[in-house]
C-alpha cells in the first residue's frame, strides 16, 4: 500500500528485559506514546484546539500524569484483588513504573518483555484495566497462548473498545474456533481496521469463519493470515473471502495454496473493487502457466489492485517475461514482487517497469491535488 503506517513509527518506551538479551526496537518496546503538551506550559495562542464543526478536541486538555496514574492504580488494584503479580509495563530505568509524562497509545505483550509469568489470567486482568483507558490505539499480543477462552475474552474487549484500531495476535495458539470468536468480535467493532493473525494454525475452518465475518464488514481494511496452515482444500475458502470482502490489503503469505488454489484466488480478485494489495508469496506454486495467465488477466481486468506479492514462488524467466509485458499495458500496477531466483536482467526489468508505473501514478495524483488546491484558493479570494 502507498500510505505509510505512521502509528508503527511512534516513539517507544522500553520495558524491563532479562540481562544479556539483545535489544531491538520491537522486542524491547511495550508502549508507544503520544506526546502531550506538559501541564506547566501555557496554552497555545488561539485557545482550546477544536476539531471539525468547532467541537472541542477530546485530546486537547488531556493531563498525562492524571491519565497514566489512574490507569496504574486501577490495574494494580485489579491484580492485587485477583492474587496476581502485575505485569512489568514500564521502562527498565524506572524500575517497571510507567512514565507519567506521556499518554501511551500502544501495548505489546510478550513473555520475555512483561515478566517470566504471562498467562491468561494476567492478560484478562490487563484487558479489564484497559477497558477504562480511552487512549489505546494498537494492541499486540505475541507468543501468549490464548486458546478459545482467551479469544472469547479478547473478543469482548474489542467489541466494547471505541479506540483500538489495530490488533496483532502473533503465534498465540489460535485455532479455527478461536478465529471464529475473533471474527464475531470484529463484526461489531466500530473502529478495528487492521488485524494480523500470523503464525496461528487457524487452517481452513478459520479462513471460512473469517470470510463469514467479513461479508458485512466495511471497517476492517487490512487482514494478515501469514503461515496460518491453510491447505490446498482451503483455497476455495480463500477465494470466496477475496470475492466477497471489502478489505484493501490481504496477505496469505506462507499458506500451501498450490497452483490451483493460487489461480482460484487470482480469478476471485478479478472482480473485487476494494483490494489494492494482495500477498501470495510462498504459496507453493511455480512455473505453472495457468497461474501466470490468471495473474495477467487480473492485472488487466482489475484497475483497483496495484500491488501483487508473489515472492518465493519459482515462476521462471519465461513466465516473468510475460508478467513484464503485462506491466507495460497496466499502468495502474505499481508493484509486482517476484522471486530473486530469476536471472538478474529479468528480475530488474520487472522492478524497473513497476517503478515507472509508480512514478507516473504519483505524478498523476500530485497534479490532481494541485488542481484541487488551486480551486480552493480562487474560491477563497472571491
Protein backbone atom coordinates (compact mmCIF):
# COMPACT_ATOMS: atom_id res chain seq x y z
CA UNK A 1 0.00 0.00 0.00
CA UNK A 2 1.24 3.52 -0.76
CA UNK A 3 0.39 5.05 2.61
CA UNK A 4 2.94 4.67 5.41
CA UNK A 5 1.92 3.30 8.78
CA UNK A 6 2.62 6.30 10.97
CA UNK A 7 1.37 4.57 14.09
CA UNK A 8 4.10 1.92 13.95
CA UNK A 9 6.78 4.65 13.85
CA UNK A 10 5.72 6.29 17.13
CA UNK A 11 8.26 6.86 19.88
CA UNK A 12 8.53 3.87 22.24
CA UNK A 13 9.05 3.25 25.95
CA UNK A 14 11.47 0.45 26.86
CA UNK A 15 10.45 -2.41 29.13
CA UNK A 16 12.39 -4.44 31.67
CA UNK A 17 14.13 -7.34 29.96
CA UNK A 18 16.35 -10.23 31.14
CA UNK A 19 20.01 -9.36 31.46
CA UNK A 20 22.05 -10.09 28.37
CA UNK A 21 19.08 -10.34 25.99
CA UNK A 22 19.82 -8.44 22.76
CA UNK A 23 17.91 -5.20 22.41
CA UNK A 24 15.74 -4.47 19.37
CA UNK A 25 13.13 -1.81 18.74
CA UNK A 26 10.22 -4.24 18.58
CA UNK A 27 11.35 -6.85 21.07
CA UNK A 28 12.01 -4.34 23.83
CA UNK A 29 9.11 -1.96 23.34
CA UNK A 30 5.80 -2.30 25.06
CA UNK A 31 4.25 1.13 24.95
CA UNK A 32 4.15 3.64 22.13
CA UNK A 33 3.44 7.11 23.36
CA UNK A 34 1.66 10.16 22.03
CA UNK A 35 3.41 13.38 23.09
CA UNK A 36 1.12 15.68 25.05
CA UNK A 37 1.65 19.32 25.98
CA UNK A 38 3.14 19.48 29.51
CA UNK A 39 0.70 20.80 32.11
CA UNK A 40 3.03 23.62 33.23
CA UNK A 41 3.21 25.14 29.75
CA UNK A 42 0.77 27.91 28.85
CA UNK A 43 -1.89 27.07 26.24
CA UNK A 44 -1.12 27.86 22.62
CA UNK A 45 -2.33 31.16 21.23
CA UNK A 46 -5.87 30.79 19.92
CA UNK A 47 -7.34 28.88 22.86
CA UNK A 48 -8.51 25.30 23.05
CA UNK A 49 -7.92 23.21 19.94
CA UNK A 50 -11.13 22.35 18.16
CA UNK A 51 -11.97 19.70 15.61
CA UNK A 52 -14.45 19.61 12.76
CA UNK A 53 -17.57 21.69 13.23
CA UNK A 54 -15.97 23.68 16.04
CA UNK A 55 -16.23 20.81 18.50
CA UNK A 56 -13.65 20.59 21.27
CA UNK A 57 -10.80 18.19 20.55
CA UNK A 58 -11.07 15.34 23.08
CA UNK A 59 -7.28 15.04 23.43
CA UNK A 60 -6.54 18.75 23.71
CA UNK A 61 -6.77 19.01 27.51
CA UNK A 62 -5.53 15.54 28.49
CA UNK A 63 -3.30 15.54 31.56
CA UNK A 64 -0.80 12.66 31.01
CA UNK A 65 0.02 12.40 34.70
CA UNK A 66 -3.61 12.08 35.69
CA UNK A 67 -4.46 9.60 32.93
CA UNK A 68 -1.50 7.25 33.37
CA UNK A 69 -1.63 7.37 37.18
CA UNK A 70 -5.32 6.46 37.15
CA UNK A 71 -4.60 3.51 34.89
CA UNK A 72 -1.71 2.37 37.11
CA UNK A 73 -3.83 2.45 40.24
CA UNK A 74 -6.74 0.64 38.63
CA UNK A 75 -4.55 -2.08 37.10
CA UNK A 76 -2.58 -2.62 40.32
CA UNK A 77 -5.77 -2.89 42.35
CA UNK A 78 -7.33 -5.42 39.98
CA UNK A 79 -4.16 -7.55 40.01
CA UNK A 80 -3.99 -7.50 43.81
CA UNK A 81 -7.67 -8.42 44.17
CA UNK A 82 -7.14 -11.44 41.91
CA UNK A 83 -3.98 -12.59 43.63
CA UNK A 84 -1.76 -11.85 40.64
CA UNK A 85 1.52 -10.07 40.18
CA UNK A 86 1.06 -7.10 37.88
CA UNK A 87 2.99 -7.32 34.62
CA UNK A 88 6.01 -5.05 34.22
CA UNK A 89 4.76 -2.33 31.91
CA UNK A 90 7.29 0.46 32.28
CA UNK A 91 10.86 1.31 31.43
CA UNK A 92 13.78 -0.58 32.97
CA UNK A 93 15.41 2.58 34.26
CA UNK A 94 12.16 3.42 36.07
CA UNK A 95 12.02 0.06 37.88
CA UNK A 96 9.00 -1.06 35.90
CA UNK A 97 6.96 2.08 36.58
CA UNK A 98 5.15 3.71 33.67
CA UNK A 99 6.21 7.20 32.71
CA UNK A 100 3.53 9.72 33.62
CA UNK A 101 4.86 12.33 31.20
CA UNK A 102 3.24 10.88 28.08
CA UNK A 103 -0.01 9.09 27.28
CA UNK A 104 0.67 5.65 25.80
CA UNK A 105 -1.26 4.51 22.71
CA UNK A 106 0.30 1.10 22.02
CA UNK A 107 0.66 -2.03 24.16
CA UNK A 108 2.85 -5.01 23.24
CA UNK A 109 2.63 -8.18 25.35
CA UNK A 110 5.33 -10.85 25.03
CA UNK A 111 6.54 -13.35 27.67
CA UNK A 112 10.11 -12.07 27.52
CA UNK A 113 9.02 -8.47 27.91
CA UNK A 114 6.48 -8.36 30.72
CA UNK A 115 7.99 -10.94 33.06
CA UNK A 116 8.52 -14.69 33.34
CA UNK A 117 4.80 -15.26 34.02
CA UNK A 118 2.30 -14.00 31.49
CA UNK A 119 -0.66 -16.33 31.36
CA UNK A 120 -4.33 -15.93 30.53
CA UNK A 121 -5.38 -14.55 33.97
CA UNK A 122 -2.74 -11.82 33.66
CA UNK A 123 -3.96 -10.94 30.17
CA UNK A 124 -7.61 -10.83 31.26
CA UNK A 125 -6.74 -8.56 34.17
CA UNK A 126 -4.82 -6.17 31.92
CA UNK A 127 -7.69 -6.10 29.40
CA UNK A 128 -10.14 -5.32 32.21
CA UNK A 129 -7.96 -2.38 33.23
CA UNK A 130 -7.53 -1.18 29.65
CA UNK A 131 -11.30 -1.22 29.17
CA UNK A 132 -11.40 2.05 31.13
CA UNK A 133 -8.41 3.55 29.32
CA UNK A 134 -9.51 5.70 26.39
CA UNK A 135 -6.23 6.28 24.56
CA UNK A 136 -5.20 2.81 23.34
CA UNK A 137 -4.91 2.52 19.55
CA UNK A 138 -2.69 -0.51 18.92
CA UNK A 139 -2.73 -3.85 20.80
CA UNK A 140 -0.08 -6.51 20.15
CA UNK A 141 -0.10 -9.96 21.79
CA UNK A 142 2.84 -12.13 20.77
CA UNK A 143 3.50 -15.76 21.73
CA UNK A 144 0.99 -15.86 24.58
CA UNK A 145 -1.30 -18.92 24.25
CA UNK A 146 -4.85 -17.57 24.14
CA UNK A 147 -6.92 -20.64 23.35
CA UNK A 148 -10.68 -20.34 22.90
CA UNK A 149 -11.21 -18.79 26.36
CA UNK A 150 -8.64 -16.12 25.69
CA UNK A 151 -10.13 -15.32 22.28
CA UNK A 152 -13.59 -15.04 23.81
CA UNK A 153 -12.33 -12.58 26.45
CA UNK A 154 -10.36 -10.58 23.90
CA UNK A 155 -13.43 -10.52 21.68
CA UNK A 156 -15.48 -8.88 24.43
CA UNK A 157 -12.77 -6.26 24.85
CA UNK A 158 -12.67 -5.47 21.11
CA UNK A 159 -16.46 -5.21 20.85
CA UNK A 160 -16.55 -2.59 23.60
CA UNK A 161 -13.46 -0.63 22.56
CA UNK A 162 -14.04 2.64 20.74
CA UNK A 163 -10.34 3.36 20.14
CA UNK A 164 -8.37 0.19 19.28
CA UNK A 165 -7.87 0.32 15.52
CA UNK A 166 -5.05 -2.21 15.11
CA UNK A 167 -4.59 -5.68 16.66
CA UNK A 168 -1.73 -8.17 16.20
CA UNK A 169 -2.15 -11.70 17.56
CA UNK A 170 1.03 -13.49 16.52
CA UNK A 171 1.79 -17.12 17.47
CA UNK A 172 -0.98 -17.20 20.07
CA UNK A 173 -2.15 -20.81 19.54
CA UNK A 174 -5.40 -19.66 17.95
CA UNK A 175 -7.34 -22.35 16.09
CA UNK A 176 -10.45 -22.36 13.96
CA UNK A 177 -12.86 -21.85 16.88
CA UNK A 178 -10.76 -19.05 18.34
CA UNK A 179 -10.66 -17.39 14.92
CA UNK A 180 -14.46 -17.56 14.76
CA UNK A 181 -14.67 -15.81 18.14
CA UNK A 182 -12.32 -13.06 16.97
CA UNK A 183 -14.28 -12.78 13.72
CA UNK A 184 -17.55 -12.36 15.61
CA UNK A 185 -15.96 -9.54 17.59
CA UNK A 186 -14.69 -7.59 14.59
CA UNK A 187 -18.19 -7.66 13.12
CA UNK A 188 -19.26 -5.42 15.99
CA UNK A 189 -16.13 -3.29 16.34
CA UNK A 190 -16.71 0.25 15.04
CA UNK A 191 -13.01 1.11 14.73
CA UNK A 192 -10.84 -2.00 14.18
CA UNK A 193 -9.23 -1.51 10.77
CA UNK A 194 -6.14 -3.79 10.87
CA UNK A 195 -5.89 -7.38 12.10
CA UNK A 196 -2.94 -9.79 11.96
CA UNK A 197 -3.32 -13.49 12.87
CA UNK A 198 0.07 -14.64 11.58
CA UNK A 199 1.54 -17.99 12.72
CA UNK A 200 -1.73 -19.29 14.18
CA UNK A 201 -2.99 -22.62 12.87
CA UNK A 202 -6.50 -21.40 12.07
CA UNK A 203 -6.43 -23.62 8.97
CA UNK A 204 -9.32 -23.88 6.53
CA UNK A 205 -12.03 -23.60 9.18
CA UNK A 206 -10.57 -20.33 10.42
CA UNK A 207 -10.49 -18.82 6.93
CA UNK A 208 -14.12 -19.81 6.46
CA UNK A 209 -15.07 -18.18 9.77
CA UNK A 210 -13.21 -15.01 8.85
CA UNK A 211 -14.88 -14.94 5.44
CA UNK A 212 -18.31 -15.11 7.06
CA UNK A 213 -17.39 -12.30 9.46
CA UNK A 214 -16.15 -10.00 6.72
CA UNK A 215 -19.09 -10.33 4.35
CA UNK A 216 -20.91 -7.49 6.11
CA UNK A 217 -17.86 -5.65 7.49
CA UNK A 218 -16.68 -2.42 5.89
CA UNK A 219 -14.46 -1.20 8.74
CA UNK A 220 -11.60 -3.73 8.59
CA UNK A 221 -9.16 -2.64 5.90
CA UNK A 222 -6.17 -4.98 6.36
CA UNK A 223 -6.06 -8.70 7.20
CA UNK A 224 -2.85 -10.73 7.51
CA UNK A 225 -3.10 -14.54 7.59
CA UNK A 226 0.55 -15.42 7.08
CA UNK A 227 1.55 -19.02 7.82
CA UNK A 228 -1.88 -20.00 9.11
CA UNK A 229 -1.84 -23.62 7.96
CA UNK A 230 -4.25 -23.23 5.07
CA UNK A 231 -4.07 -26.28 2.77
CA UNK A 232 -5.00 -26.69 -0.92
CA UNK A 233 -8.51 -27.76 0.11
CA UNK A 234 -8.90 -24.42 1.90
CA UNK A 235 -8.02 -22.40 -1.19
CA UNK A 236 -11.68 -22.26 -2.17
CA UNK A 237 -12.47 -20.52 1.13
CA UNK A 238 -9.65 -18.05 0.46
CA UNK A 239 -11.09 -17.35 -2.98
CA UNK A 240 -14.57 -16.81 -1.54
CA UNK A 241 -13.12 -14.44 1.07
CA UNK A 242 -11.44 -12.43 -1.71
CA UNK A 243 -14.59 -12.35 -3.79
CA UNK A 244 -16.84 -11.02 -1.02
CA UNK A 245 -14.65 -8.90 1.30
CA UNK A 246 -14.15 -5.14 1.31
CA UNK A 247 -10.58 -5.27 2.53
CA UNK A 248 -7.87 -3.13 0.96
CA UNK A 249 -4.96 -5.37 1.96
CA UNK A 250 -4.99 -9.19 2.22
CA UNK A 251 -1.87 -11.25 2.94
CA UNK A 252 -1.93 -15.05 2.51
CA UNK A 253 1.86 -15.45 2.60
CA UNK A 254 3.14 -18.90 3.56
CA UNK A 255 -0.05 -20.91 3.07
CA UNK A 256 0.00 -24.05 0.92
CA UNK A 257 -2.44 -22.96 -1.77
CA UNK A 258 -0.52 -24.62 -4.63
CA UNK A 259 -1.10 -23.73 -8.28
CA UNK A 260 -4.83 -24.41 -8.43
CA UNK A 261 -5.52 -22.51 -5.22
CA UNK A 262 -3.42 -19.51 -6.22
CA UNK A 263 -5.18 -19.35 -9.59
CA UNK A 264 -8.58 -19.50 -7.86
CA UNK A 265 -7.61 -16.58 -5.62
CA UNK A 266 -6.46 -14.50 -8.59
CA UNK A 267 -9.63 -15.22 -10.53
CA UNK A 268 -11.71 -14.17 -7.50
CA UNK A 269 -9.68 -10.95 -7.23
CA UNK A 270 -10.56 -10.00 -10.79
CA UNK A 271 -13.95 -8.58 -9.81
CA UNK A 272 -13.08 -7.22 -6.35
CA UNK A 273 -13.28 -3.42 -6.38
CA UNK A 274 -11.71 -2.89 -2.95
CA UNK A 275 -8.42 -4.79 -2.58
CA UNK A 276 -5.38 -2.69 -3.51
CA UNK A 277 -2.71 -5.17 -2.34
CA UNK A 278 -2.69 -8.99 -2.43
CA UNK A 279 0.00 -11.16 -0.85
CA UNK A 280 0.51 -14.61 -2.37
CA UNK A 281 4.18 -15.06 -1.52
CA UNK A 282 5.45 -18.56 -0.73
CA UNK A 283 2.14 -20.23 -1.55
CA UNK A 284 3.79 -23.30 -3.13
CA UNK A 285 3.40 -22.83 -6.87
CA UNK A 286 5.90 -22.12 -9.59
CA UNK A 287 6.15 -22.30 -13.37
CA UNK A 288 2.56 -23.41 -13.98
CA UNK A 289 1.34 -21.30 -16.88
CA UNK A 290 -2.26 -21.24 -15.64
CA UNK A 291 -1.33 -19.23 -12.55
CA UNK A 292 0.71 -16.71 -14.54
CA UNK A 293 -2.15 -16.29 -17.01
CA UNK A 294 -4.63 -15.80 -14.15
CA UNK A 295 -2.31 -13.14 -12.70
CA UNK A 296 -2.02 -11.31 -16.03
CA UNK A 297 -5.78 -11.46 -16.64
CA UNK A 298 -6.41 -9.99 -13.19
CA UNK A 299 -3.82 -7.25 -13.67
CA UNK A 300 -5.58 -6.25 -16.90
CA UNK A 301 -9.17 -6.51 -15.62
CA UNK A 302 -8.83 -5.11 -12.09
CA UNK A 303 -7.74 -1.48 -12.03
CA UNK A 304 -8.10 -1.19 -8.25
CA UNK A 305 -5.43 -3.66 -7.18
CA UNK A 306 -1.99 -2.11 -7.73
CA UNK A 307 0.33 -4.35 -5.68
CA UNK A 308 0.97 -8.08 -6.10
CA UNK A 309 3.44 -10.02 -3.97
CA UNK A 310 4.30 -13.42 -5.49
CA UNK A 311 7.77 -13.70 -3.97
CA UNK A 312 9.02 -17.16 -3.03
CA UNK A 313 7.26 -18.88 -5.92
CA UNK A 314 9.75 -20.09 -8.60
CA UNK A 315 7.86 -18.84 -11.64
CA UNK A 316 10.85 -18.99 -14.02
CA UNK A 317 12.08 -16.44 -16.56
CA UNK A 318 9.53 -17.32 -19.27
CA UNK A 319 6.56 -16.53 -17.04
CA UNK A 320 8.32 -13.49 -15.59
CA UNK A 321 8.77 -12.05 -19.08
CA UNK A 322 5.03 -12.43 -19.69
CA UNK A 323 4.36 -10.51 -16.48
CA UNK A 324 6.82 -7.81 -17.64
CA UNK A 325 4.93 -7.49 -20.92
CA UNK A 326 1.67 -7.12 -18.99
CA UNK A 327 3.19 -4.37 -16.83
CA UNK A 328 3.75 -2.27 -19.94
CA UNK A 329 -0.01 -2.33 -20.57
CA UNK A 330 -1.22 -1.92 -16.96
CA UNK A 331 -0.10 1.47 -15.72
CA UNK A 332 -2.13 1.12 -12.51
CA UNK A 333 0.05 -1.80 -11.28
CA UNK A 334 2.81 -0.15 -9.26
CA UNK A 335 4.45 -3.19 -7.61
CA UNK A 336 4.98 -6.85 -8.52
CA UNK A 337 7.31 -8.54 -6.05
CA UNK A 338 8.83 -11.66 -7.62
CA UNK A 339 11.35 -14.28 -6.60
CA UNK A 340 15.01 -13.33 -6.77
CA UNK A 341 15.70 -16.72 -8.40
CA UNK A 342 15.07 -15.10 -11.78
CA UNK A 343 18.01 -14.08 -13.89
CA UNK A 344 19.13 -10.58 -12.84
CA UNK A 345 18.11 -8.97 -16.13
CA UNK A 346 14.53 -10.27 -15.94
CA UNK A 347 14.22 -9.51 -12.24
CA UNK A 348 15.35 -5.92 -12.72
CA UNK A 349 13.15 -5.46 -15.80
CA UNK A 350 10.02 -6.19 -13.75
CA UNK A 351 11.21 -3.89 -10.96
CA UNK A 352 12.00 -1.11 -13.47
CA UNK A 353 8.60 -1.33 -15.17
CA UNK A 354 6.72 -1.33 -11.86
CA UNK A 355 8.79 1.63 -10.66
CA UNK A 356 7.98 3.55 -13.84
CA UNK A 357 4.27 2.90 -13.28
CA UNK A 358 4.60 4.12 -9.69
CA UNK A 359 6.30 7.34 -10.77
CA UNK A 360 3.53 8.03 -13.29
CA UNK A 361 0.90 7.27 -10.65
CA UNK A 362 2.50 9.68 -8.18
CA UNK A 363 2.84 12.37 -10.85
CA UNK A 364 -0.81 11.99 -11.88
CA UNK A 365 -2.14 12.17 -8.34
CA UNK A 366 0.11 15.09 -7.46
CA UNK A 367 -1.40 17.05 -10.34
CA UNK A 368 -4.91 16.26 -9.15
CA UNK A 369 -4.12 17.50 -5.65
CA UNK A 370 -2.58 20.66 -7.09
CA UNK A 371 -5.66 21.44 -9.17
CA UNK A 372 -7.96 20.97 -6.20
CA UNK A 373 -5.79 23.25 -4.11
CA UNK A 374 -5.90 25.89 -6.85
CA UNK A 375 -9.68 25.86 -7.00
CA UNK A 376 -9.92 26.34 -3.25
CA UNK A 377 -7.50 29.27 -3.47
CA UNK A 378 -9.56 31.07 -6.15
CA UNK A 379 -12.75 30.45 -4.27
CA UNK A 380 -11.23 31.91 -1.13
CA UNK A 381 -10.35 35.16 -2.97
CA UNK A 382 -13.80 35.63 -4.35
